[in-house]
Structures are given as structure tokens and as C-alpha cells.
């Protein structure tokens, strides 16, 4: 077969296939302070959240100790000092998610950024870490209602992000999960 004809047919096939794929994700709007990780087909992207939930710390009742501890940890993170990833657990409706959102709202003016990642999208953590690695902003990845079945791939991705794999976890990242 003619090489030129083969190349032409391959190019036509690729053009047709590209119409079936979602558009390549552009750069995130880094001016935003809240994001969601969104999947479209086989690709994911960091989508800015125009109107994040505006919870205030004063709206939280009977959580004074928890508020103080998470605020201390997050302020240390923003100051470039040692900070810990956080897992909040407890009965349904006790304010775990509200606490994370309120801390974010209290500290977003100091440069804190929040990325919400659904449990099912944790397998994309390496892609998210690549996006934020080396950025000047400081990010908290927030995963709400975290639970795993045995051998689930999201668990492995989260474990690698927390402990590091061959690639060290970014210094501008904490993970808060409920």
C-alpha cells in the first residue's frame, strides 16, 4: 500500500475520533478560591466554583474544640509550618462537612483554596496533584462521605497521596475528609 495514502487515511480516522472525545480541559481559573474536580468521559478537569457555600464559624454550635483544632492546623499550613491531613468522623448530621466549609470561608481571604473531590474520583488524585504542584496557592482537597470497599482503586490513590509514592506529596496540599 501507498504510504501517503495510509497516512492520509490515518489522519482522517483521527479527525473523526476527535469529534467523539470531550474537549481538552483548559487551564483552571486560578483566580477562583474554590474548585470541584469534574469528569467528562475519560478526562477530568478542575472547575472553578462561582458561589461556594458560605458557612460561618459562628453558625457551628457545640463544636468549639473541633473548630479551634482545625483552625490551628489550617493556619499552620497557611504559614508554611507543619500541618496534618484531617479525617473527621462521627454520626450523620453532626457538622463535619459544615466545619470544613466554615474553616475554608474563614481563611479563604488568607489564600486558602478548596478543591472538592468526589470519592469516586479519587483515582484522579495524581492528575490533581500534578496540576497544583508548584503553584503558589495552598490547597485543601475536601472529600466528603469517604468510605471504601476492599481493594477499591480510590483508596490506593488516596493512600499514595497521603503517604507519597515515588512522587512526594506537594507541600501546598492538605487533605480533609469526612
N, C-alpha and C. Protein backbone atom coordinates (compact mmCIF):
# COMPACT_ATOMS: atom_id res chain seq x y z
N UNK A 1 0.83 -1.19 0.00
CA UNK A 1 0.00 0.00 0.00
C UNK A 1 0.87 1.26 0.00
N UNK A 2 0.33 2.28 -0.56
CA UNK A 2 1.00 3.56 -0.68
C UNK A 2 1.08 4.22 0.71
N UNK A 3 2.29 4.62 1.13
CA UNK A 3 2.50 5.22 2.45
C UNK A 3 1.73 6.52 2.59
N UNK A 4 1.71 7.34 1.57
CA UNK A 4 1.00 8.62 1.63
C UNK A 4 -0.50 8.39 1.83
N UNK A 5 -1.05 7.39 1.14
CA UNK A 5 -2.48 7.07 1.27
C UNK A 5 -2.77 6.58 2.69
N UNK A 6 -1.90 5.75 3.22
CA UNK A 6 -2.07 5.24 4.58
C UNK A 6 -2.05 6.38 5.60
N UNK A 7 -1.13 7.32 5.45
CA UNK A 7 -1.05 8.46 6.36
C UNK A 7 -2.30 9.33 6.25
N UNK A 8 -2.76 9.53 5.04
CA UNK A 8 -3.97 10.34 4.82
C UNK A 8 -5.19 9.69 5.48
N UNK A 9 -5.34 8.38 5.32
CA UNK A 9 -6.48 7.66 5.92
C UNK A 9 -6.39 7.68 7.44
N UNK A 10 -5.17 7.55 7.99
CA UNK A 10 -5.00 7.59 9.45
C UNK A 10 -5.37 8.97 9.97
N UNK A 11 -4.98 10.02 9.28
CA UNK A 11 -5.33 11.38 9.69
C UNK A 11 -6.84 11.59 9.66
N UNK A 12 -7.50 11.07 8.63
CA UNK A 12 -8.97 11.18 8.55
C UNK A 12 -9.63 10.45 9.71
N UNK A 13 -9.12 9.27 10.03
CA UNK A 13 -9.67 8.50 11.15
C UNK A 13 -9.49 9.25 12.46
N UNK A 14 -8.32 9.84 12.68
CA UNK A 14 -8.09 10.60 13.90
C UNK A 14 -9.01 11.81 13.99
N UNK A 15 -9.24 12.49 12.86
CA UNK A 15 -10.16 13.63 12.85
C UNK A 15 -11.56 13.20 13.27
N UNK A 16 -12.00 12.05 12.80
CA UNK A 16 -13.33 11.55 13.15
C UNK A 16 -13.39 11.16 14.62
N UNK A 17 -12.32 10.56 15.12
CA UNK A 17 -12.30 10.15 16.53
C UNK A 17 -12.31 11.35 17.46
N UNK A 18 -11.64 12.43 17.08
CA UNK A 18 -11.58 13.62 17.92
C UNK A 18 -12.96 14.22 18.17
N UNK A 19 -13.88 14.05 17.24
CA UNK A 19 -15.23 14.59 17.44
C UNK A 19 -15.97 13.82 18.52
N UNK A 20 -15.55 12.61 18.81
CA UNK A 20 -16.22 11.80 19.84
C UNK A 20 -15.67 12.06 21.24
N UNK A 21 -14.49 12.65 21.32
CA UNK A 21 -13.86 12.89 22.61
C UNK A 21 -14.31 14.23 23.18
N UNK A 22 -14.38 14.34 24.52
CA UNK A 22 -14.68 15.65 25.12
C UNK A 22 -13.53 16.60 24.83
N UNK A 23 -13.81 17.90 24.85
CA UNK A 23 -12.73 18.85 24.58
C UNK A 23 -11.65 18.76 25.65
N UNK A 24 -10.43 19.02 25.24
CA UNK A 24 -9.32 19.02 26.20
C UNK A 24 -9.58 20.10 27.23
N UNK A 25 -9.30 19.77 28.48
CA UNK A 25 -9.55 20.75 29.53
C UNK A 25 -8.49 21.83 29.46
N UNK A 26 -8.94 23.06 29.58
CA UNK A 26 -8.01 24.18 29.59
C UNK A 26 -7.44 24.35 30.99
N UNK A 27 -6.69 25.40 31.14
CA UNK A 27 -6.14 25.69 32.46
C UNK A 27 -7.25 26.13 33.39
N UNK A 28 -7.18 25.74 34.65
CA UNK A 28 -8.18 26.19 35.63
C UNK A 28 -8.12 27.70 35.80
N UNK A 29 -9.21 28.26 36.27
CA UNK A 29 -9.26 29.69 36.60
C UNK A 29 -8.61 29.85 37.98
N UNK A 30 -7.31 30.07 38.01
CA UNK A 30 -6.58 30.11 39.27
C UNK A 30 -6.95 31.30 40.13
N UNK A 31 -7.73 32.25 39.62
CA UNK A 31 -8.20 33.37 40.46
C UNK A 31 -9.29 32.91 41.43
N UNK A 32 -9.95 31.81 41.11
CA UNK A 32 -11.00 31.29 41.98
C UNK A 32 -10.38 30.74 43.27
N UNK A 33 -11.20 30.64 44.31
CA UNK A 33 -10.67 30.06 45.55
C UNK A 33 -11.34 28.74 45.91
N UNK A 34 -12.35 28.35 45.15
CA UNK A 34 -12.99 27.05 45.37
C UNK A 34 -13.14 26.36 44.02
N UNK A 35 -12.92 25.04 44.04
CA UNK A 35 -12.95 24.24 42.82
C UNK A 35 -13.64 22.91 43.08
N UNK A 36 -14.11 22.30 42.00
CA UNK A 36 -14.59 20.92 42.01
C UNK A 36 -13.82 20.17 40.94
N UNK A 37 -13.50 18.92 41.21
CA UNK A 37 -12.93 18.07 40.18
C UNK A 37 -14.11 17.44 39.44
N UNK A 38 -14.16 17.67 38.14
CA UNK A 38 -15.26 17.18 37.31
C UNK A 38 -14.73 16.27 36.23
N UNK A 39 -15.42 15.15 36.04
CA UNK A 39 -15.05 14.21 34.99
C UNK A 39 -16.00 14.37 33.82
N UNK A 40 -15.44 14.22 32.63
CA UNK A 40 -16.22 14.19 31.41
C UNK A 40 -15.62 13.08 30.56
N UNK A 41 -16.31 11.95 30.53
CA UNK A 41 -15.75 10.79 29.84
C UNK A 41 -14.52 10.31 30.57
N UNK A 42 -13.43 10.18 29.83
CA UNK A 42 -12.20 9.68 30.43
C UNK A 42 -11.32 10.79 30.98
N UNK A 43 -11.76 12.02 30.86
CA UNK A 43 -10.94 13.15 31.29
C UNK A 43 -11.56 13.86 32.48
N UNK A 44 -10.70 14.49 33.28
CA UNK A 44 -11.17 15.29 34.39
C UNK A 44 -10.60 16.69 34.29
N UNK A 45 -11.26 17.62 34.97
CA UNK A 45 -10.76 18.99 34.99
C UNK A 45 -11.13 19.65 36.30
N UNK A 46 -10.37 20.66 36.64
CA UNK A 46 -10.61 21.46 37.83
C UNK A 46 -11.52 22.60 37.43
N UNK A 47 -12.73 22.59 37.97
CA UNK A 47 -13.74 23.59 37.61
C UNK A 47 -13.92 24.57 38.76
N UNK A 48 -13.80 25.85 38.46
CA UNK A 48 -13.99 26.88 39.48
C UNK A 48 -15.44 26.87 39.96
N UNK A 49 -15.64 27.09 41.25
CA UNK A 49 -16.98 27.19 41.83
C UNK A 49 -17.25 28.67 42.04
N UNK A 50 -18.22 29.19 41.32
CA UNK A 50 -18.50 30.63 41.36
C UNK A 50 -19.09 31.07 42.70
N UNK A 51 -19.93 30.23 43.29
CA UNK A 51 -20.62 30.61 44.53
C UNK A 51 -20.49 29.50 45.57
N UNK A 52 -19.34 29.43 46.26
CA UNK A 52 -19.19 28.39 47.29
C UNK A 52 -20.16 28.62 48.45
N UNK A 53 -20.49 27.54 49.13
CA UNK A 53 -21.37 27.58 50.29
C UNK A 53 -20.74 28.47 51.36
N UNK A 54 -21.46 29.47 51.80
CA UNK A 54 -20.92 30.48 52.73
C UNK A 54 -21.35 30.18 54.17
N UNK A 55 -20.71 29.22 54.78
CA UNK A 55 -20.96 28.94 56.20
C UNK A 55 -19.96 29.71 57.04
N UNK A 56 -20.43 30.25 58.15
CA UNK A 56 -19.56 30.97 59.08
C UNK A 56 -19.29 30.09 60.30
N UNK A 57 -18.13 30.29 60.90
CA UNK A 57 -17.78 29.54 62.11
C UNK A 57 -18.80 29.76 63.21
N UNK A 58 -19.38 30.97 63.26
CA UNK A 58 -20.38 31.29 64.28
C UNK A 58 -21.66 30.47 64.11
N UNK A 59 -21.87 29.91 62.93
CA UNK A 59 -23.06 29.09 62.68
C UNK A 59 -22.94 27.69 63.29
N UNK A 60 -21.73 27.31 63.69
CA UNK A 60 -21.49 25.97 64.22
C UNK A 60 -21.65 25.98 65.73
N UNK A 61 -22.52 25.13 66.21
CA UNK A 61 -22.78 25.05 67.65
C UNK A 61 -22.19 23.79 68.24
N UNK A 62 -21.65 23.91 69.43
CA UNK A 62 -21.13 22.77 70.20
C UNK A 62 -19.93 22.10 69.53
N UNK A 63 -19.19 22.86 68.72
CA UNK A 63 -18.00 22.31 68.06
C UNK A 63 -16.76 23.16 68.36
N UNK A 64 -16.77 23.85 69.47
CA UNK A 64 -15.69 24.79 69.78
C UNK A 64 -14.31 24.14 69.76
N UNK A 65 -14.18 22.97 70.36
CA UNK A 65 -12.88 22.29 70.41
C UNK A 65 -12.42 21.88 69.01
N UNK A 66 -13.35 21.33 68.23
CA UNK A 66 -13.02 20.91 66.87
C UNK A 66 -12.67 22.11 65.98
N UNK A 67 -13.44 23.19 66.12
CA UNK A 67 -13.15 24.41 65.35
C UNK A 67 -11.76 24.92 65.69
N UNK A 68 -11.44 25.00 66.96
CA UNK A 68 -10.13 25.51 67.38
C UNK A 68 -9.00 24.66 66.82
N UNK A 69 -9.15 23.35 66.86
CA UNK A 69 -8.09 22.45 66.40
C UNK A 69 -7.90 22.53 64.89
N UNK A 70 -8.98 22.55 64.15
CA UNK A 70 -8.86 22.59 62.69
C UNK A 70 -8.39 23.98 62.23
N UNK A 71 -8.82 25.02 62.90
CA UNK A 71 -8.33 26.36 62.58
C UNK A 71 -6.82 26.45 62.86
N UNK A 72 -6.38 25.92 63.99
CA UNK A 72 -4.95 25.93 64.32
C UNK A 72 -4.16 25.20 63.25
N UNK A 73 -4.60 24.01 62.88
CA UNK A 73 -3.92 23.19 61.88
C UNK A 73 -3.86 23.91 60.53
N UNK A 74 -4.98 24.50 60.12
CA UNK A 74 -5.04 25.16 58.82
C UNK A 74 -4.22 26.44 58.80
N UNK A 75 -4.22 27.18 59.89
CA UNK A 75 -3.38 28.38 59.97
C UNK A 75 -1.90 28.02 59.91
N UNK A 76 -1.52 26.94 60.58
CA UNK A 76 -0.12 26.47 60.50
C UNK A 76 0.24 26.14 59.05
N UNK A 77 -0.67 25.48 58.36
CA UNK A 77 -0.47 25.14 56.95
C UNK A 77 -0.26 26.40 56.12
N UNK A 78 -1.11 27.40 56.32
CA UNK A 78 -1.00 28.64 55.57
C UNK A 78 0.30 29.39 55.89
N UNK A 79 0.81 29.19 57.09
CA UNK A 79 2.06 29.84 57.49
C UNK A 79 3.29 29.05 57.05
N UNK A 80 3.07 27.92 56.38
CA UNK A 80 4.19 27.11 55.90
C UNK A 80 4.82 26.25 56.98
N UNK A 81 4.10 26.06 58.08
CA UNK A 81 4.59 25.23 59.17
C UNK A 81 3.96 23.85 59.06
N UNK A 82 4.38 22.94 59.91
CA UNK A 82 3.85 21.59 59.89
C UNK A 82 2.34 21.56 60.14
N UNK A 83 1.65 20.79 59.32
CA UNK A 83 0.20 20.62 59.48
C UNK A 83 -0.16 19.20 59.08
N UNK A 84 -1.30 18.77 59.54
CA UNK A 84 -1.73 17.39 59.31
C UNK A 84 -2.95 17.33 58.40
N UNK A 85 -3.03 16.23 57.65
CA UNK A 85 -4.27 15.91 56.97
C UNK A 85 -5.28 15.56 58.05
N UNK A 86 -6.57 15.71 57.73
CA UNK A 86 -7.59 15.52 58.76
C UNK A 86 -8.68 14.58 58.26
N UNK A 87 -9.06 13.65 59.12
CA UNK A 87 -10.24 12.81 58.90
C UNK A 87 -11.22 13.10 60.02
N UNK A 88 -12.39 13.62 59.66
CA UNK A 88 -13.45 13.89 60.64
C UNK A 88 -14.46 12.74 60.57
N UNK A 89 -14.78 12.18 61.71
CA UNK A 89 -15.77 11.11 61.72
C UNK A 89 -16.77 11.38 62.82
N UNK A 90 -17.93 10.80 62.66
CA UNK A 90 -18.98 10.97 63.65
C UNK A 90 -20.32 10.68 63.02
N UNK A 91 -21.34 10.79 63.82
CA UNK A 91 -22.69 10.49 63.36
C UNK A 91 -23.11 11.48 62.27
N UNK A 92 -24.04 11.03 61.49
CA UNK A 92 -24.59 11.85 60.42
C UNK A 92 -25.22 13.12 61.01
N UNK A 93 -24.95 14.25 60.37
CA UNK A 93 -25.58 15.49 60.79
C UNK A 93 -24.91 16.21 61.95
N UNK A 94 -23.68 15.80 62.28
CA UNK A 94 -23.02 16.43 63.43
C UNK A 94 -22.14 17.61 63.04
N UNK A 95 -22.11 17.98 61.76
CA UNK A 95 -21.41 19.19 61.34
C UNK A 95 -20.02 18.99 60.76
N UNK A 96 -19.68 17.76 60.38
CA UNK A 96 -18.33 17.51 59.87
C UNK A 96 -18.06 18.30 58.58
N UNK A 97 -18.94 18.18 57.62
CA UNK A 97 -18.77 18.89 56.34
C UNK A 97 -18.91 20.40 56.55
N UNK A 98 -19.84 20.79 57.37
CA UNK A 98 -20.03 22.22 57.65
C UNK A 98 -18.79 22.82 58.28
N UNK A 99 -18.12 22.06 59.11
CA UNK A 99 -16.89 22.53 59.75
C UNK A 99 -15.81 22.83 58.71
N UNK A 100 -15.62 21.94 57.76
CA UNK A 100 -14.61 22.15 56.71
C UNK A 100 -14.97 23.38 55.89
N UNK A 101 -16.23 23.51 55.51
CA UNK A 101 -16.66 24.65 54.70
C UNK A 101 -16.50 25.97 55.47
N UNK A 102 -16.82 25.97 56.74
CA UNK A 102 -16.72 27.19 57.55
C UNK A 102 -15.25 27.59 57.75
N UNK A 103 -14.37 26.63 57.97
CA UNK A 103 -12.95 26.93 58.10
C UNK A 103 -12.42 27.50 56.79
N UNK A 104 -12.83 26.91 55.68
CA UNK A 104 -12.43 27.45 54.37
C UNK A 104 -12.89 28.89 54.23
N UNK A 105 -14.14 29.17 54.55
CA UNK A 105 -14.66 30.53 54.43
C UNK A 105 -13.93 31.51 55.34
N UNK A 106 -13.55 31.05 56.51
CA UNK A 106 -12.84 31.93 57.45
C UNK A 106 -11.43 32.26 56.97
N UNK A 107 -10.82 31.35 56.20
CA UNK A 107 -9.41 31.52 55.84
C UNK A 107 -9.17 31.74 54.35
N UNK A 108 -10.21 31.78 53.56
CA UNK A 108 -10.01 31.95 52.12
C UNK A 108 -9.39 33.30 51.81
N UNK A 109 -9.65 34.30 52.60
CA UNK A 109 -9.03 35.61 52.40
C UNK A 109 -7.54 35.61 52.68
N UNK A 110 -7.06 34.57 53.34
CA UNK A 110 -5.63 34.44 53.63
C UNK A 110 -4.92 33.53 52.61
N UNK A 111 -5.63 33.21 51.54
CA UNK A 111 -5.02 32.43 50.46
C UNK A 111 -5.39 30.97 50.40
N UNK A 112 -6.25 30.51 51.29
CA UNK A 112 -6.62 29.09 51.26
C UNK A 112 -7.52 28.82 50.06
N UNK A 113 -7.27 27.71 49.39
CA UNK A 113 -8.08 27.25 48.26
C UNK A 113 -8.65 25.88 48.62
N UNK A 114 -9.86 25.61 48.16
CA UNK A 114 -10.52 24.35 48.45
C UNK A 114 -10.85 23.64 47.14
N UNK A 115 -10.54 22.35 47.09
CA UNK A 115 -10.88 21.52 45.94
C UNK A 115 -11.74 20.37 46.44
N UNK A 116 -12.98 20.31 45.98
CA UNK A 116 -13.87 19.22 46.35
C UNK A 116 -13.70 18.08 45.34
N UNK A 117 -13.43 16.90 45.87
CA UNK A 117 -13.25 15.72 45.03
C UNK A 117 -14.19 14.64 45.53
N UNK A 118 -15.02 14.14 44.64
CA UNK A 118 -15.93 13.06 44.97
C UNK A 118 -15.13 11.78 45.22
N UNK A 119 -15.62 10.96 46.11
CA UNK A 119 -14.95 9.70 46.44
C UNK A 119 -14.65 8.87 45.20
N UNK A 120 -15.57 8.86 44.26
CA UNK A 120 -15.39 8.06 43.04
C UNK A 120 -14.30 8.61 42.13
N UNK A 121 -13.91 9.87 42.35
CA UNK A 121 -12.88 10.50 41.50
C UNK A 121 -11.51 10.53 42.16
N UNK A 122 -11.37 9.88 43.31
CA UNK A 122 -10.07 9.87 43.98
C UNK A 122 -8.99 9.20 43.14
N UNK A 123 -9.39 8.36 42.20
CA UNK A 123 -8.40 7.74 41.31
C UNK A 123 -7.69 8.80 40.47
N UNK A 124 -8.28 9.99 40.37
CA UNK A 124 -7.67 11.09 39.61
C UNK A 124 -6.75 11.95 40.47
N UNK A 125 -6.53 11.59 41.73
CA UNK A 125 -5.67 12.40 42.59
C UNK A 125 -4.30 12.69 41.98
N UNK A 126 -3.65 11.72 41.33
CA UNK A 126 -2.35 12.05 40.72
C UNK A 126 -2.45 13.20 39.71
N UNK A 127 -3.54 13.25 38.94
CA UNK A 127 -3.73 14.34 37.98
C UNK A 127 -3.93 15.67 38.70
N UNK A 128 -4.70 15.64 39.78
CA UNK A 128 -4.96 16.86 40.55
C UNK A 128 -3.66 17.35 41.19
N UNK A 129 -2.89 16.43 41.75
CA UNK A 129 -1.62 16.80 42.39
C UNK A 129 -0.67 17.40 41.36
N UNK A 130 -0.65 16.85 40.15
CA UNK A 130 0.20 17.42 39.10
C UNK A 130 -0.21 18.86 38.78
N UNK A 131 -1.52 19.12 38.79
CA UNK A 131 -2.00 20.48 38.48
C UNK A 131 -1.57 21.50 39.54
N UNK A 132 -1.61 21.11 40.81
CA UNK A 132 -1.34 22.08 41.87
C UNK A 132 0.11 22.10 42.33
N UNK A 133 0.86 21.09 41.95
CA UNK A 133 2.27 21.03 42.35
C UNK A 133 3.02 22.26 41.84
N UNK A 134 3.67 22.96 42.75
CA UNK A 134 4.45 24.12 42.38
C UNK A 134 3.65 25.42 42.27
N UNK A 135 2.35 25.35 42.46
CA UNK A 135 1.53 26.57 42.44
C UNK A 135 1.80 27.35 43.73
N UNK A 136 1.64 28.67 43.71
CA UNK A 136 1.86 29.45 44.93
C UNK A 136 0.72 29.34 45.94
N UNK A 137 -0.47 28.96 45.49
CA UNK A 137 -1.62 28.85 46.39
C UNK A 137 -1.48 27.60 47.27
N UNK A 138 -2.24 27.62 48.36
CA UNK A 138 -2.26 26.46 49.26
C UNK A 138 -3.66 25.87 49.22
N UNK A 139 -3.71 24.55 48.99
CA UNK A 139 -4.97 23.87 48.71
C UNK A 139 -5.32 22.85 49.79
N UNK A 140 -6.61 22.79 50.09
CA UNK A 140 -7.16 21.68 50.86
C UNK A 140 -8.04 20.90 49.89
N UNK A 141 -7.73 19.63 49.72
CA UNK A 141 -8.63 18.75 48.97
C UNK A 141 -9.64 18.23 49.98
N UNK A 142 -10.91 18.40 49.65
CA UNK A 142 -12.00 18.01 50.54
C UNK A 142 -12.78 16.87 49.91
N UNK A 143 -12.82 15.76 50.62
CA UNK A 143 -13.60 14.59 50.17
C UNK A 143 -14.63 14.30 51.24
N UNK A 144 -15.89 14.43 50.88
CA UNK A 144 -17.00 14.27 51.81
C UNK A 144 -17.54 12.85 51.72
N UNK A 145 -17.96 12.31 52.87
CA UNK A 145 -18.56 10.97 52.95
C UNK A 145 -17.65 9.89 52.38
N UNK A 146 -16.44 9.86 52.88
CA UNK A 146 -15.43 8.91 52.43
C UNK A 146 -15.70 7.53 53.02
N UNK A 147 -15.75 6.54 52.18
CA UNK A 147 -15.82 5.14 52.62
C UNK A 147 -15.30 4.29 51.47
N UNK A 148 -14.75 3.14 51.80
CA UNK A 148 -14.16 2.29 50.77
C UNK A 148 -14.58 0.85 50.96
N UNK A 149 -14.68 0.14 49.83
CA UNK A 149 -14.80 -1.30 49.83
C UNK A 149 -13.39 -1.87 49.67
N UNK A 150 -13.22 -3.11 50.02
CA UNK A 150 -11.90 -3.74 49.95
C UNK A 150 -11.34 -3.66 48.54
N UNK A 151 -10.08 -3.23 48.44
CA UNK A 151 -9.38 -3.20 47.16
C UNK A 151 -9.79 -2.11 46.20
N UNK A 152 -10.56 -1.14 46.67
CA UNK A 152 -11.04 -0.07 45.79
C UNK A 152 -9.87 0.81 45.33
N UNK A 153 -9.87 1.19 44.05
CA UNK A 153 -8.75 1.95 43.49
C UNK A 153 -8.65 3.35 44.09
N UNK A 154 -9.77 3.96 44.49
CA UNK A 154 -9.73 5.27 45.12
C UNK A 154 -8.94 5.25 46.42
N UNK A 155 -9.05 4.14 47.16
CA UNK A 155 -8.30 4.01 48.41
C UNK A 155 -6.80 4.03 48.13
N UNK A 156 -6.39 3.30 47.11
CA UNK A 156 -4.96 3.25 46.77
C UNK A 156 -4.44 4.62 46.36
N UNK A 157 -5.23 5.36 45.59
CA UNK A 157 -4.81 6.70 45.15
C UNK A 157 -4.72 7.65 46.35
N UNK A 158 -5.69 7.56 47.27
CA UNK A 158 -5.66 8.42 48.45
C UNK A 158 -4.46 8.07 49.33
N UNK A 159 -4.21 6.80 49.53
CA UNK A 159 -3.07 6.36 50.34
C UNK A 159 -1.76 6.88 49.74
N UNK A 160 -1.62 6.80 48.44
CA UNK A 160 -0.40 7.29 47.78
C UNK A 160 -0.27 8.81 47.94
N UNK A 161 -1.40 9.52 47.86
CA UNK A 161 -1.36 10.98 48.02
C UNK A 161 -0.99 11.36 49.45
N UNK A 162 -1.47 10.60 50.42
CA UNK A 162 -1.18 10.90 51.83
C UNK A 162 0.25 10.54 52.21
N UNK A 163 0.68 9.38 51.77
CA UNK A 163 1.99 8.89 52.18
C UNK A 163 3.08 9.23 51.18
N UNK A 164 2.68 9.58 49.98
CA UNK A 164 3.64 9.79 48.91
C UNK A 164 3.93 8.46 48.23
N UNK A 165 4.23 8.54 46.99
CA UNK A 165 4.66 7.37 46.24
C UNK A 165 6.09 7.67 45.83
N UNK A 166 6.45 7.39 44.62
CA UNK A 166 7.77 7.80 44.15
C UNK A 166 7.79 9.33 44.02
N UNK A 167 6.61 9.90 43.88
CA UNK A 167 6.44 11.36 43.77
C UNK A 167 5.99 11.86 45.14
N UNK A 168 6.76 12.76 45.73
CA UNK A 168 6.42 13.29 47.05
C UNK A 168 5.13 14.11 46.97
N UNK A 169 4.31 14.07 48.03
CA UNK A 169 3.10 14.90 48.01
C UNK A 169 3.48 16.38 47.98
N UNK A 170 2.70 17.20 47.28
CA UNK A 170 3.01 18.63 47.22
C UNK A 170 2.95 19.26 48.61
N UNK A 171 3.84 20.22 48.84
CA UNK A 171 3.87 20.92 50.14
C UNK A 171 2.71 21.90 50.27
N UNK A 172 2.05 22.22 49.17
CA UNK A 172 0.94 23.17 49.21
C UNK A 172 -0.40 22.46 49.27
N UNK A 173 -0.45 21.30 49.89
CA UNK A 173 -1.66 20.48 49.90
C UNK A 173 -1.90 19.83 51.26
N UNK A 174 -3.15 19.91 51.70
CA UNK A 174 -3.65 19.08 52.80
C UNK A 174 -4.91 18.38 52.29
N UNK A 175 -5.24 17.27 52.92
CA UNK A 175 -6.46 16.54 52.58
C UNK A 175 -7.33 16.50 53.81
N UNK A 176 -8.56 16.99 53.67
CA UNK A 176 -9.56 16.93 54.74
C UNK A 176 -10.70 16.06 54.23
N UNK A 177 -11.02 15.04 55.00
CA UNK A 177 -12.08 14.11 54.59
C UNK A 177 -13.04 13.87 55.74
N UNK A 178 -14.28 13.58 55.39
CA UNK A 178 -15.28 13.22 56.40
C UNK A 178 -15.72 11.80 56.14
